[in-house]
Amino acid sequence: MERKHLNRLQAEYARLLEHKRIHSLDIPDDFRYMDPELVDMLEDAVKPYLTP
């Protein structure tokens, strides 16, 4: 999700997201579905959020 997607979510669903945490990974939205480079970037980016 890019910053613009996060801003759109917050604008449209501010009340629902009021007490929720959203992490923007700042990965550009210009990859094809299951692009190996994208998969690697996602795995690296989410690792800190998934490990205790």
Protein backbone atom coordinates (compact mmCIF):
# COMPACT_ATOMS: atom_id res chain seq x y z
CA MET A 1 0.00 0.00 0.00
CA GLU A 2 1.23 3.42 -0.88
CA ARG A 3 0.71 6.52 1.22
CA LYS A 4 -2.12 7.64 -1.11
CA HIS A 5 -4.00 4.39 -0.37
CA LEU A 6 -3.58 4.90 3.35
CA ASN A 7 -4.87 8.47 3.06
CA ARG A 8 -7.89 7.28 1.09
CA LEU A 9 -8.70 4.63 3.70
CA GLN A 10 -8.40 7.14 6.51
CA ALA A 11 -10.59 9.66 4.68
CA GLU A 12 -13.36 7.21 3.82
CA TYR A 13 -13.33 5.07 6.97
CA ALA A 14 -12.01 7.39 9.67
CA ARG A 15 -14.62 6.35 12.22
CA LEU A 16 -14.13 2.61 11.65
CA LEU A 17 -10.34 2.93 11.81
CA GLU A 18 -10.29 5.23 14.82
CA HIS A 19 -8.70 2.69 17.18
CA LYS A 20 -6.99 0.51 14.57
CA ARG A 21 -3.37 0.46 13.53
CA ILE A 22 -2.60 0.45 9.82
CA HIS A 23 0.91 -0.07 8.54
CA SER A 24 1.78 1.38 5.17
CA LEU A 25 4.69 -0.51 3.65
CA ASP A 26 5.34 2.25 1.07
CA ILE A 27 5.73 -0.24 -1.75
CA PRO A 28 4.86 1.28 -5.14
CA ASP A 29 1.77 -0.09 -6.86
CA ASP A 30 3.45 -0.83 -10.18
CA PHE A 31 4.09 -4.57 -10.03
CA ARG A 32 2.32 -7.41 -11.79
CA TYR A 33 0.45 -10.01 -9.77
CA MET A 34 2.87 -12.26 -7.85
CA ASP A 35 5.92 -10.52 -9.31
CA PRO A 36 8.92 -12.21 -7.64
CA GLU A 37 10.49 -8.84 -6.79
CA LEU A 38 7.23 -7.71 -5.16
CA VAL A 39 6.94 -10.95 -3.18
CA ASP A 40 10.48 -10.47 -1.86
CA MET A 41 9.76 -6.86 -0.92
CA LEU A 42 6.55 -7.85 0.88
CA GLU A 43 8.23 -10.66 2.79
CA ASP A 44 10.98 -8.32 3.97
CA ALA A 45 8.57 -5.50 4.81
CA VAL A 46 6.09 -7.55 6.89
CA LYS A 47 8.65 -9.60 8.79
CA PRO A 48 8.99 -7.07 11.66
CA TYR A 49 5.20 -7.05 12.14
CA LEU A 50 4.84 -10.85 12.18
CA THR A 51 7.64 -11.83 14.52
CA PRO A 52 6.96 -11.56 18.25
